[in-house]
Amino acid sequence: MTTIEPMASVEAELYELSMPGRLLGKEVLDSRARRIGIVRSIRISLNPTRSELIVKGAEVEFPIDFEKIAGVGSVVQLNSEVRESEEIEIHDVVRLQKEVLDDIRAYLGGR
């Protein structure tokens, strides 16, 4: 008799190599049009299957399920209110973009 072992959870985090990119570094607005952060990365998980944006706010990072995205253009617009993050200012967006870019460079070995 053969037993099938359950597949372990697999998770990957994806980054773009430009800032801002098609998603990376874009401002994220909740349903009340509050600027809550920028897209830091995309996380994909298998078993269970899930895809999320990782949003970097003023003092917090948090996941947003793709189902909560209303649209993507010059910003990422969500279809729900976000309470995990305080509203940020435009100068915070520039600072957060620089922090994310510095993190990506560090991952790539200082390139």
PDB file of N, CA and C in Angstrom:
ATOM      1  N   MET A   1       0.840  -1.173   0.000  1.00  0.00           N
ATOM      2  CA  MET A   1       0.000   0.000   0.000  1.00  0.00           C
ATOM      3  C   MET A   1       0.890   1.243   0.000  1.00  0.00           C
ATOM      4  N   THR A   2       0.627   2.149  -0.902  1.00  0.00           N
ATOM      5  CA  THR A   2       1.389   3.380  -1.012  1.00  0.00           C
ATOM      6  C   THR A   2       0.629   4.518  -0.349  1.00  0.00           C
ATOM      7  N   THR A   3       1.331   5.278   0.451  1.00  0.00           N
ATOM      8  CA  THR A   3       0.696   6.450   1.054  1.00  0.00           C
ATOM      9  C   THR A   3       1.205   7.699   0.336  1.00  0.00           C
ATOM     10  N   ILE A   4       0.323   8.615   0.165  1.00  0.00           N
ATOM     11  CA  ILE A   4       0.680   9.883  -0.481  1.00  0.00           C
ATOM     12  C   ILE A   4       0.877  10.920   0.604  1.00  0.00           C
ATOM     13  N   GLU A   5       2.077  11.473   0.634  1.00  0.00           N
ATOM     14  CA  GLU A   5       2.367  12.501   1.622  1.00  0.00           C
ATOM     15  C   GLU A   5       1.871  13.847   1.111  1.00  0.00           C
ATOM     16  N   PRO A   6       1.314  14.660   1.994  1.00  0.00           N
ATOM     17  CA  PRO A   6       0.853  15.974   1.557  1.00  0.00           C
ATOM     18  C   PRO A   6       2.032  16.848   1.130  1.00  0.00           C
ATOM     19  N   MET A   7       1.801  17.628   0.091  1.00  0.00           N
ATOM     20  CA  MET A   7       2.847  18.514  -0.404  1.00  0.00           C
ATOM     21  C   MET A   7       3.061  19.654   0.587  1.00  0.00           C
ATOM     22  N   ALA A   8       4.302  19.928   0.871  1.00  0.00           N
ATOM     23  CA  ALA A   8       4.622  21.030   1.776  1.00  0.00           C
ATOM     24  C   ALA A   8       4.286  22.354   1.102  1.00  0.00           C
ATOM     25  N   SER A   9       4.026  23.340   1.885  1.00  0.00           N
ATOM     26  CA  SER A   9       3.745  24.664   1.355  1.00  0.00           C
ATOM     27  C   SER A   9       4.994  25.229   0.672  1.00  0.00           C
ATOM     28  N   VAL A  10       4.810  25.805  -0.501  1.00  0.00           N
ATOM     29  CA  VAL A  10       5.892  26.413  -1.269  1.00  0.00           C
ATOM     30  C   VAL A  10       5.548  27.880  -1.448  1.00  0.00           C
ATOM     31  N   GLU A  11       6.531  28.733  -1.207  1.00  0.00           N
ATOM     32  CA  GLU A  11       6.283  30.166  -1.286  1.00  0.00           C
ATOM     33  C   GLU A  11       7.436  30.837  -2.015  1.00  0.00           C
ATOM     34  N   ALA A  12       7.100  31.800  -2.893  1.00  0.00           N
ATOM     35  CA  ALA A  12       8.121  32.565  -3.612  1.00  0.00           C
ATOM     36  C   ALA A  12       7.732  34.035  -3.584  1.00  0.00           C
ATOM     37  N   GLU A  13       8.737  34.881  -3.474  1.00  0.00           N
ATOM     38  CA  GLU A  13       8.511  36.316  -3.510  1.00  0.00           C
ATOM     39  C   GLU A  13       9.170  36.859  -4.770  1.00  0.00           C
ATOM     40  N   LEU A  14       8.421  37.635  -5.540  1.00  0.00           N
ATOM     41  CA  LEU A  14       8.882  38.130  -6.834  1.00  0.00           C
ATOM     42  C   LEU A  14       9.140  39.631  -6.774  1.00  0.00           C
ATOM     43  N   TYR A  15      10.203  40.052  -7.474  1.00  0.00           N
ATOM     44  CA  TYR A  15      10.580  41.460  -7.530  1.00  0.00           C
ATOM     45  C   TYR A  15      10.794  41.859  -8.974  1.00  0.00           C
ATOM     46  N   GLU A  16      10.644  43.124  -9.265  1.00  0.00           N
ATOM     47  CA  GLU A  16      11.007  43.667 -10.566  1.00  0.00           C
ATOM     48  C   GLU A  16      12.362  44.344 -10.406  1.00  0.00           C
ATOM     49  N   LEU A  17      13.071  44.476 -11.506  1.00  0.00           N
ATOM     50  CA  LEU A  17      14.410  45.053 -11.429  1.00  0.00           C
ATOM     51  C   LEU A  17      14.442  46.532 -11.775  1.00  0.00           C
ATOM     52  N   SER A  18      13.284  47.152 -11.865  1.00  0.00           N
ATOM     53  CA  SER A  18      13.253  48.597 -12.090  1.00  0.00           C
ATOM     54  C   SER A  18      12.322  49.230 -11.063  1.00  0.00           C
ATOM     55  N   MET A  19      12.568  50.502 -10.781  1.00  0.00           N
ATOM     56  CA  MET A  19      11.782  51.210  -9.763  1.00  0.00           C
ATOM     57  C   MET A  19      11.385  52.566 -10.284  1.00  0.00           C
ATOM     58  N   PRO A  20      10.117  52.910 -10.370  1.00  0.00           N
ATOM     59  CA  PRO A  20       9.014  51.977 -10.186  1.00  0.00           C
ATOM     60  C   PRO A  20       8.876  51.073 -11.399  1.00  0.00           C
ATOM     61  N   GLY A  21       8.310  49.899 -11.163  1.00  0.00           N
ATOM     62  CA  GLY A  21       8.094  48.938 -12.232  1.00  0.00           C
ATOM     63  C   GLY A  21       6.630  48.896 -12.617  1.00  0.00           C
ATOM     64  N   ARG A  22       6.221  47.798 -13.215  1.00  0.00           N
ATOM     65  CA  ARG A  22       4.811  47.648 -13.601  1.00  0.00           C
ATOM     66  C   ARG A  22       3.928  47.558 -12.359  1.00  0.00           C
ATOM     67  N   LEU A  23       4.451  46.992 -11.280  1.00  0.00           N
ATOM     68  CA  LEU A  23       3.766  46.958  -9.984  1.00  0.00           C
ATOM     69  C   LEU A  23       4.667  47.459  -8.863  1.00  0.00           C
ATOM     70  N   LEU A  24       5.902  47.029  -8.876  1.00  0.00           N
ATOM     71  CA  LEU A  24       6.840  47.381  -7.815  1.00  0.00           C
ATOM     72  C   LEU A  24       6.988  48.895  -7.677  1.00  0.00           C
ATOM     73  N   GLY A  25       6.820  49.386  -6.469  1.00  0.00           N
ATOM     74  CA  GLY A  25       7.005  50.802  -6.199  1.00  0.00           C
ATOM     75  C   GLY A  25       5.778  51.661  -6.437  1.00  0.00           C
ATOM     76  N   LYS A  26       4.720  51.091  -7.007  1.00  0.00           N
ATOM     77  CA  LYS A  26       3.510  51.892  -7.247  1.00  0.00           C
ATOM     78  C   LYS A  26       2.791  52.162  -5.930  1.00  0.00           C
ATOM     79  N   GLU A  27       2.176  53.333  -5.878  1.00  0.00           N
ATOM     80  CA  GLU A  27       1.378  53.690  -4.706  1.00  0.00           C
ATOM     81  C   GLU A  27       0.162  52.779  -4.620  1.00  0.00           C
ATOM     82  N   VAL A  28      -0.236  52.455  -3.390  1.00  0.00           N
ATOM     83  CA  VAL A  28      -1.422  51.645  -3.147  1.00  0.00           C
ATOM     84  C   VAL A  28      -2.432  52.511  -2.416  1.00  0.00           C
ATOM     85  N   LEU A  29      -3.643  52.603  -2.995  1.00  0.00           N
ATOM     86  CA  LEU A  29      -4.730  53.383  -2.405  1.00  0.00           C
ATOM     87  C   LEU A  29      -5.850  52.440  -2.004  1.00  0.00           C
ATOM     88  N   ASP A  30      -6.413  52.656  -0.821  1.00  0.00           N
ATOM     89  CA  ASP A  30      -7.535  51.813  -0.408  1.00  0.00           C
ATOM     90  C   ASP A  30      -8.837  52.361  -0.984  1.00  0.00           C
ATOM     91  N   SER A  31      -9.952  51.743  -0.624  1.00  0.00           N
ATOM     92  CA  SER A  31     -11.247  52.131  -1.202  1.00  0.00           C
ATOM     93  C   SER A  31     -11.670  53.543  -0.811  1.00  0.00           C
ATOM     94  N   ARG A  32     -11.068  54.101   0.221  1.00  0.00           N
ATOM     95  CA  ARG A  32     -11.362  55.480   0.633  1.00  0.00           C
ATOM     96  C   ARG A  32     -10.375  56.469   0.008  1.00  0.00           C
ATOM     97  N   ALA A  33      -9.555  55.988  -0.955  1.00  0.00           N
ATOM     98  CA  ALA A  33      -8.550  56.791  -1.664  1.00  0.00           C
ATOM     99  C   ALA A  33      -7.450  57.284  -0.726  1.00  0.00           C
ATOM    100  N   ARG A  34      -7.207  56.545   0.349  1.00  0.00           N
ATOM    101  CA  ARG A  34      -6.095  56.861   1.243  1.00  0.00           C
ATOM    102  C   ARG A  34      -4.844  56.195   0.697  1.00  0.00           C
ATOM    103  N   ARG A  35      -3.757  56.931   0.600  1.00  0.00           N
ATOM    104  CA  ARG A  35      -2.459  56.400   0.164  1.00  0.00           C
ATOM    105  C   ARG A  35      -1.889  55.637   1.354  1.00  0.00           C
ATOM    106  N   ILE A  36      -1.796  54.299   1.226  1.00  0.00           N
ATOM    107  CA  ILE A  36      -1.421  53.480   2.377  1.00  0.00           C
ATOM    108  C   ILE A  36      -0.024  52.882   2.276  1.00  0.00           C
ATOM    109  N   GLY A  37       0.609  52.985   1.116  1.00  0.00           N
ATOM    110  CA  GLY A  37       1.952  52.435   0.967  1.00  0.00           C
ATOM    111  C   GLY A  37       2.304  52.237  -0.486  1.00  0.00           C
ATOM    112  N   ILE A  38       3.349  51.438  -0.718  1.00  0.00           N
ATOM    113  CA  ILE A  38       3.768  51.093  -2.073  1.00  0.00           C
ATOM    114  C   ILE A  38       3.891  49.572  -2.171  1.00  0.00           C
ATOM    115  N   VAL A  39       3.853  49.066  -3.395  1.00  0.00           N
ATOM    116  CA  VAL A  39       4.046  47.639  -3.623  1.00  0.00           C
ATOM    117  C   VAL A  39       5.528  47.329  -3.446  1.00  0.00           C
ATOM    118  N   ARG A  40       5.851  46.442  -2.513  1.00  0.00           N
ATOM    119  CA  ARG A  40       7.233  46.023  -2.282  1.00  0.00           C
ATOM    120  C   ARG A  40       7.575  44.796  -3.115  1.00  0.00           C
ATOM    121  N   SER A  41       6.630  43.845  -3.185  1.00  0.00           N
ATOM    122  CA  SER A  41       6.874  42.621  -3.939  1.00  0.00           C
ATOM    123  C   SER A  41       5.554  41.894  -4.154  1.00  0.00           C
ATOM    124  N   ILE A  42       5.654  40.767  -4.861  1.00  0.00           N
ATOM    125  CA  ILE A  42       4.510  39.893  -5.077  1.00  0.00           C
ATOM    126  C   ILE A  42       4.866  38.557  -4.449  1.00  0.00           C
ATOM    127  N   ARG A  43       3.951  37.998  -3.661  1.00  0.00           N
ATOM    128  CA  ARG A  43       4.182  36.700  -3.023  1.00  0.00           C
ATOM    129  C   ARG A  43       3.199  35.698  -3.614  1.00  0.00           C
ATOM    130  N   ILE A  44       3.744  34.562  -4.041  1.00  0.00           N
ATOM    131  CA  ILE A  44       2.926  33.473  -4.567  1.00  0.00           C
ATOM    132  C   ILE A  44       3.161  32.263  -3.683  1.00  0.00           C
ATOM    133  N   SER A  45       2.074  31.632  -3.261  1.00  0.00           N
ATOM    134  CA  SER A  45       2.150  30.445  -2.412  1.00  0.00           C
ATOM    135  C   SER A  45       1.392  29.304  -3.070  1.00  0.00           C
ATOM    136  N   LEU A  46       1.924  28.102  -2.913  1.00  0.00           N
ATOM    137  CA  LEU A  46       1.248  26.889  -3.365  1.00  0.00           C
ATOM    138  C   LEU A  46       0.974  26.012  -2.161  1.00  0.00           C
ATOM    139  N   ASN A  47      -0.196  25.443  -2.149  1.00  0.00           N
ATOM    140  CA  ASN A  47      -0.643  24.524  -1.095  1.00  0.00           C
ATOM    141  C   ASN A  47      -0.768  25.202   0.260  1.00  0.00           C
ATOM    142  N   PRO A  48      -1.716  26.068   0.436  1.00  0.00           N
ATOM    143  CA  PRO A  48      -2.777  26.422  -0.501  1.00  0.00           C
ATOM    144  C   PRO A  48      -2.301  27.479  -1.500  1.00  0.00           C
ATOM    145  N   THR A  49      -2.965  27.515  -2.651  1.00  0.00           N
ATOM    146  CA  THR A  49      -2.614  28.478  -3.689  1.00  0.00           C
ATOM    147  C   THR A  49      -3.116  29.857  -3.293  1.00  0.00           C
ATOM    148  N   ARG A  50      -2.188  30.829  -3.338  1.00  0.00           N
ATOM    149  CA  ARG A  50      -2.533  32.195  -2.928  1.00  0.00           C
ATOM    150  C   ARG A  50      -1.550  33.147  -3.615  1.00  0.00           C
ATOM    151  N   SER A  51      -2.044  34.295  -4.020  1.00  0.00           N
ATOM    152  CA  SER A  51      -1.154  35.337  -4.554  1.00  0.00           C
ATOM    153  C   SER A  51      -1.501  36.656  -3.882  1.00  0.00           C
ATOM    154  N   GLU A  52      -0.456  37.379  -3.484  1.00  0.00           N
ATOM    155  CA  GLU A  52      -0.642  38.606  -2.715  1.00  0.00           C
ATOM    156  C   GLU A  52       0.370  39.660  -3.146  1.00  0.00           C
ATOM    157  N   LEU A  53      -0.032  40.901  -2.993  1.00  0.00           N
ATOM    158  CA  LEU A  53       0.918  42.004  -3.065  1.00  0.00           C
ATOM    159  C   LEU A  53       1.438  42.216  -1.660  1.00  0.00           C
ATOM    160  N   ILE A  54       2.719  42.456  -1.521  1.00  0.00           N
ATOM    161  CA  ILE A  54       3.265  42.838  -0.224  1.00  0.00           C
ATOM    162  C   ILE A  54       3.408  44.350  -0.269  1.00  0.00           C
ATOM    163  N   VAL A  55       2.692  45.014   0.615  1.00  0.00           N
ATOM    164  CA  VAL A  55       2.652  46.473   0.647  1.00  0.00           C
ATOM    165  C   VAL A  55       3.529  46.959   1.788  1.00  0.00           C
ATOM    166  N   LYS A  56       4.371  47.938   1.485  1.00  0.00           N
ATOM    167  CA  LYS A  56       5.229  48.565   2.501  1.00  0.00           C
ATOM    168  C   LYS A  56       4.616  49.914   2.836  1.00  0.00           C
ATOM    169  N   GLY A  57       4.200  50.052   4.102  1.00  0.00           N
ATOM    170  CA  GLY A  57       3.641  51.301   4.582  1.00  0.00           C
ATOM    171  C   GLY A  57       4.671  52.063   5.392  1.00  0.00           C
ATOM    172  N   ALA A  58       4.208  53.058   6.137  1.00  0.00           N
ATOM    173  CA  ALA A  58       5.113  53.913   6.907  1.00  0.00           C
ATOM    174  C   ALA A  58       5.949  53.107   7.903  1.00  0.00           C
ATOM    175  N   GLU A  59       5.331  52.283   8.696  1.00  0.00           N
ATOM    176  CA  GLU A  59       6.054  51.524   9.727  1.00  0.00           C
ATOM    177  C   GLU A  59       5.684  50.045   9.704  1.00  0.00           C
ATOM    178  N   VAL A  60       5.070  49.571   8.604  1.00  0.00           N
ATOM    179  CA  VAL A  60       4.547  48.210   8.575  1.00  0.00           C
ATOM    180  C   VAL A  60       4.565  47.668   7.145  1.00  0.00           C
ATOM    181  N   GLU A  61       4.687  46.351   7.027  1.00  0.00           N
ATOM    182  CA  GLU A  61       4.502  45.658   5.757  1.00  0.00           C
ATOM    183  C   GLU A  61       3.375  44.665   5.954  1.00  0.00           C
ATOM    184  N   PHE A  62       2.515  44.511   4.942  1.00  0.00           N
ATOM    185  CA  PHE A  62       1.386  43.606   5.078  1.00  0.00           C
ATOM    186  C   PHE A  62       0.965  43.094   3.706  1.00  0.00           C
ATOM    187  N   PRO A  63       0.349  41.895   3.672  1.00  0.00           N
ATOM    188  CA  PRO A  63      -0.105  41.329   2.398  1.00  0.00           C
ATOM    189  C   PRO A  63      -1.499  41.819   2.029  1.00  0.00           C
ATOM    190  N   ILE A  64      -1.725  41.941   0.727  1.00  0.00           N
ATOM    191  CA  ILE A  64      -3.045  42.255   0.179  1.00  0.00           C
ATOM    192  C   ILE A  64      -3.361  41.179  -0.854  1.00  0.00           C
ATOM    193  N   ASP A  65      -4.420  40.440  -0.657  1.00  0.00           N
ATOM    194  CA  ASP A  65      -4.823  39.397  -1.594  1.00  0.00           C
ATOM    195  C   ASP A  65      -5.182  40.023  -2.945  1.00  0.00           C
ATOM    196  N   PHE A  66      -4.818  39.352  -4.033  1.00  0.00           N
ATOM    197  CA  PHE A  66      -5.090  39.878  -5.376  1.00  0.00           C
ATOM    198  C   PHE A  66      -6.577  40.141  -5.592  1.00  0.00           C
ATOM    199  N   GLU A  67      -7.448  39.412  -4.913  1.00  0.00           N
ATOM    200  CA  GLU A  67      -8.890  39.614  -5.060  1.00  0.00           C
ATOM    201  C   GLU A  67      -9.334  40.986  -4.574  1.00  0.00           C
ATOM    202  N   LYS A  68      -8.518  41.647  -3.762  1.00  0.00           N
ATOM    203  CA  LYS A  68      -8.866  42.969  -3.240  1.00  0.00           C
ATOM    204  C   LYS A  68      -8.386  44.105  -4.132  1.00  0.00           C
ATOM    205  N   ILE A  69      -7.795  43.775  -5.291  1.00  0.00           N
ATOM    206  CA  ILE A  69      -7.321  44.796  -6.224  1.00  0.00           C
ATOM    207  C   ILE A  69      -8.453  45.145  -7.189  1.00  0.00           C
ATOM    208  N   ALA A  70      -8.847  46.424  -7.181  1.00  0.00           N
ATOM    209  CA  ALA A  70      -9.905  46.889  -8.079  1.00  0.00           C
ATOM    210  C   ALA A  70      -9.334  47.253  -9.439  1.00  0.00           C
ATOM    211  N   GLY A  71      -8.105  47.754  -9.476  1.00  0.00           N
ATOM    212  CA  GLY A  71      -7.498  48.138 -10.739  1.00  0.00           C
ATOM    213  C   GLY A  71      -6.053  48.558 -10.562  1.00  0.00           C
ATOM    214  N   VAL A  72      -5.311  48.493 -11.673  1.00  0.00           N
ATOM    215  CA  VAL A  72      -3.911  48.902 -11.676  1.00  0.00           C
ATOM    216  C   VAL A  72      -3.713  49.851 -12.839  1.00  0.00           C
ATOM    217  N   GLY A  73      -3.218  51.035 -12.534  1.00  0.00           N
ATOM    218  CA  GLY A  73      -2.878  52.032 -13.541  1.00  0.00           C
ATOM    219  C   GLY A  73      -1.634  52.742 -13.055  1.00  0.00           C
ATOM    220  N   SER A  74      -1.728  54.037 -12.888  1.00  0.00           N
ATOM    221  CA  SER A  74      -0.599  54.764 -12.312  1.00  0.00           C
ATOM    222  C   SER A  74      -0.471  54.465 -10.817  1.00  0.00           C
ATOM    223  N   VAL A  75      -1.550  53.937 -10.220  1.00  0.00           N
ATOM    224  CA  VAL A  75      -1.567  53.475  -8.824  1.00  0.00           C
ATOM    225  C   VAL A  75      -2.274  52.128  -8.779  1.00  0.00           C
ATOM    226  N   VAL A  76      -2.148  51.449  -7.645  1.00  0.00           N
ATOM    227  CA  VAL A  76      -2.904  50.217  -7.401  1.00  0.00           C
ATOM    228  C   VAL A  76      -4.090  50.604  -6.531  1.00  0.00           C
ATOM    229  N   GLN A  77      -5.300  50.442  -7.069  1.00  0.00           N
ATOM    230  CA  GLN A  77      -6.516  50.799  -6.340  1.00  0.00           C
ATOM    231  C   GLN A  77      -7.141  49.544  -5.757  1.00  0.00           C
ATOM    232  N   LEU A  78      -7.416  49.582  -4.455  1.00  0.00           N
ATOM    233  CA  LEU A  78      -8.036  48.448  -3.777  1.00  0.00           C
ATOM    234  C   LEU A  78      -9.539  48.651  -3.679  1.00  0.00           C
ATOM    235  N   ASN A  79     -10.276  47.549  -3.519  1.00  0.00           N
ATOM    236  CA  ASN A  79     -11.734  47.638  -3.401  1.00  0.00           C
ATOM    237  C   ASN A  79     -12.194  47.522  -1.946  1.00  0.00           C
ATOM    238  N   SER A  80     -11.253  47.664  -1.004  1.00  0.00           N
ATOM    239  CA  SER A  80     -11.609  47.589   0.411  1.00  0.00           C
ATOM    240  C   SER A  80     -10.771  48.580   1.214  1.00  0.00           C
ATOM    241  N   GLU A  81     -11.264  48.890   2.384  1.00  0.00           N
ATOM    242  CA  GLU A  81     -10.539  49.781   3.283  1.00  0.00           C
ATOM    243  C   GLU A  81      -9.429  49.002   3.978  1.00  0.00           C
ATOM    244  N   VAL A  82      -8.283  49.647   4.170  1.00  0.00           N
ATOM    245  CA  VAL A  82      -7.142  49.008   4.831  1.00  0.00           C
ATOM    246  C   VAL A  82      -6.906  49.701   6.161  1.00  0.00           C
ATOM    247  N   ARG A  83      -6.859  48.910   7.218  1.00  0.00           N
ATOM    248  CA  ARG A  83      -6.639  49.481   8.547  1.00  0.00           C
ATOM    249  C   ARG A  83      -5.270  49.148   9.110  1.00  0.00           C
ATOM    250  N   GLU A  84      -4.496  48.321   8.373  1.00  0.00           N
ATOM    251  CA  GLU A  84      -3.174  47.900   8.840  1.00  0.00           C
ATOM    252  C   GLU A  84      -2.137  49.006   8.749  1.00  0.00           C
ATOM    253  N   SER A  85      -2.445  50.057   7.974  1.00  0.00           N
ATOM    254  CA  SER A  85      -1.461  51.103   7.727  1.00  0.00           C
ATOM    255  C   SER A  85      -2.086  52.477   7.840  1.00  0.00           C
ATOM    256  N   GLU A  86      -1.295  53.406   8.338  1.00  0.00           N
ATOM    257  CA  GLU A  86      -1.721  54.801   8.367  1.00  0.00           C
ATOM    258  C   GLU A  86      -1.546  55.394   6.979  1.00  0.00           C
ATOM    259  N   GLU A  87      -2.249  56.466   6.707  1.00  0.00           N
ATOM    260  CA  GLU A  87      -2.087  57.158   5.427  1.00  0.00           C
ATOM    261  C   GLU A  87      -0.696  57.783   5.373  1.00  0.00           C
ATOM    262  N   ILE A  88      -0.074  57.728   4.193  1.00  0.00           N
ATOM    263  CA  ILE A  88       1.267  58.290   4.032  1.00  0.00           C
ATOM    264  C   ILE A  88       1.215  59.474   3.077  1.00  0.00           C
ATOM    265  N   GLU A  89       2.248  60.293   3.115  1.00  0.00           N
ATOM    266  CA  GLU A  89       2.371  61.474   2.263  1.00  0.00           C
ATOM    267  C   GLU A  89       3.235  61.138   1.049  1.00  0.00           C
ATOM    268  N   ILE A  90       3.239  62.020   0.056  1.00  0.00           N
ATOM    269  CA  ILE A  90       3.997  61.788  -1.167  1.00  0.00           C
ATOM    270  C   ILE A  90       5.496  61.669  -0.893  1.00  0.00           C
ATOM    271  N   HIS A  91       6.033  62.450   0.056  1.00  0.00           N
ATOM    272  CA  HIS A  91       7.460  62.329   0.366  1.00  0.00           C
ATOM    273  C   HIS A  91       7.781  60.968   0.977  1.00  0.00           C
ATOM    274  N   ASP A  92       6.792  60.335   1.644  1.00  0.00           N
ATOM    275  CA  ASP A  92       6.981  58.981   2.172  1.00  0.00           C
ATOM    276  C   ASP A  92       7.085  57.969   1.031  1.00  0.00           C
ATOM    277  N   VAL A  93       6.332  58.190  -0.044  1.00  0.00           N
ATOM    278  CA  VAL A  93       6.371  57.296  -1.201  1.00  0.00           C
ATOM    279  C   VAL A  93       7.781  57.255  -1.769  1.00  0.00           C
ATOM    280  N   VAL A  94       8.394  58.413  -1.953  1.00  0.00           N
ATOM    281  CA  VAL A  94       9.752  58.486  -2.504  1.00  0.00           C
ATOM    282  C   VAL A  94      10.744  57.781  -1.582  1.00  0.00           C
ATOM    283  N   ARG A  95      10.607  58.000  -0.280  1.00  0.00           N
ATOM    284  CA  ARG A  95      11.490  57.348   0.697  1.00  0.00           C
ATOM    285  C   ARG A  95      11.317  55.834   0.664  1.00  0.00           C
ATOM    286  N   LEU A  96      10.073  55.370   0.621  1.00  0.00           N
ATOM    287  CA  LEU A  96       9.811  53.932   0.601  1.00  0.00           C
ATOM    288  C   LEU A  96      10.332  53.290  -0.686  1.00  0.00           C
ATOM    289  N   GLN A  97      10.177  53.983  -1.820  1.00  0.00           N
ATOM    290  CA  GLN A  97      10.709  53.462  -3.081  1.00  0.00           C
ATOM    291  C   GLN A  97      12.220  53.291  -2.997  1.00  0.00           C
ATOM    292  N   LYS A  98      12.897  54.261  -2.400  1.00  0.00           N
ATOM    293  CA  LYS A  98      14.359  54.170  -2.256  1.00  0.00           C
ATOM    294  C   LYS A  98      14.730  53.001  -1.342  1.00  0.00           C
ATOM    295  N   GLU A  99      14.000  52.814  -0.251  1.00  0.00           N
ATOM    296  CA  GLU A  99      14.268  51.701   0.667  1.00  0.00           C
ATOM    297  C   GLU A  99      14.103  50.354  -0.033  1.00  0.00           C
ATOM    298  N   VAL A 100      13.036  50.208  -0.814  1.00  0.00           N
ATOM    299  CA  VAL A 100      12.800  48.950  -1.521  1.00  0.00           C
ATOM    300  C   VAL A 100      13.890  48.711  -2.561  1.00  0.00           C
ATOM    301  N   LEU A 101      14.263  49.749  -3.291  1.00  0.00           N
ATOM    302  CA  LEU A 101      15.328  49.614  -4.288  1.00  0.00           C
ATOM    303  C   LEU A 101      16.645  49.229  -3.623  1.00  0.00           C
ATOM    304  N   ASP A 102      16.957  49.833  -2.492  1.00  0.00           N
ATOM    305  CA  ASP A 102      18.173  49.474  -1.744  1.00  0.00           C
ATOM    306  C   ASP A 102      18.117  48.013  -1.278  1.00  0.00           C
ATOM    307  N   ASP A 103      16.946  47.545  -0.845  1.00  0.00           N
ATOM    308  CA  ASP A 103      16.779  46.149  -0.425  1.00  0.00           C
ATOM    309  C   ASP A 103      17.043  45.197  -1.597  1.00  0.00           C
ATOM    310  N   ILE A 104      16.488  45.526  -2.757  1.00  0.00           N
ATOM    311  CA  ILE A 104      16.667  44.677  -3.944  1.00  0.00           C
ATOM    312  C   ILE A 104      18.142  44.642  -4.337  1.00  0.00           C
ATOM    313  N   ARG A 105      18.797  45.783  -4.310  1.00  0.00           N
ATOM    314  CA  ARG A 105      20.238  45.813  -4.624  1.00  0.00           C
ATOM    315  C   ARG A 105      21.020  44.950  -3.650  1.00  0.00           C
ATOM    316  N   ALA A 106      20.647  44.978  -2.377  1.00  0.00           N
ATOM    317  CA  ALA A 106      21.323  44.154  -1.379  1.00  0.00           C
ATOM    318  C   ALA A 106      21.106  42.661  -1.671  1.00  0.00           C
ATOM    319  N   TYR A 107      19.888  42.272  -2.083  1.00  0.00           N
ATOM    320  CA  TYR A 107      19.605  40.889  -2.433  1.00  0.00           C
ATOM    321  C   TYR A 107      20.463  40.438  -3.603  1.00  0.00           C
ATOM    322  N   LEU A 108      20.709  41.359  -4.548  1.00  0.00           N
ATOM    323  CA  LEU A 108      21.472  41.026  -5.753  1.00  0.00           C
ATOM    324  C   LEU A 108      22.967  41.141  -5.551  1.00  0.00           C
ATOM    325  N   GLY A 109      23.390  41.411  -4.344  1.00  0.00           N
ATOM    326  CA  GLY A 109      24.816  41.490  -4.064  1.00  0.00           C
ATOM    327  C   GLY A 109      25.443  42.826  -4.398  1.00  0.00           C
ATOM    328  N   GLY A 110      24.683  43.910  -4.243  1.00  0.00           N
ATOM    329  CA  GLY A 110      25.221  45.253  -4.426  1.00  0.00           C
ATOM    330  C   GLY A 110      25.317  45.733  -5.851  1.00  0.00           C
ATOM    331  N   ARG A 111      24.623  45.072  -6.762  1.00  0.00           N
ATOM    332  CA  ARG A 111      24.663  45.499  -8.174  1.00  0.00           C
ATOM    333  C   ARG A 111      24.004  46.820  -8.385  1.00  0.00           C
TER     334      ARG A 111
END
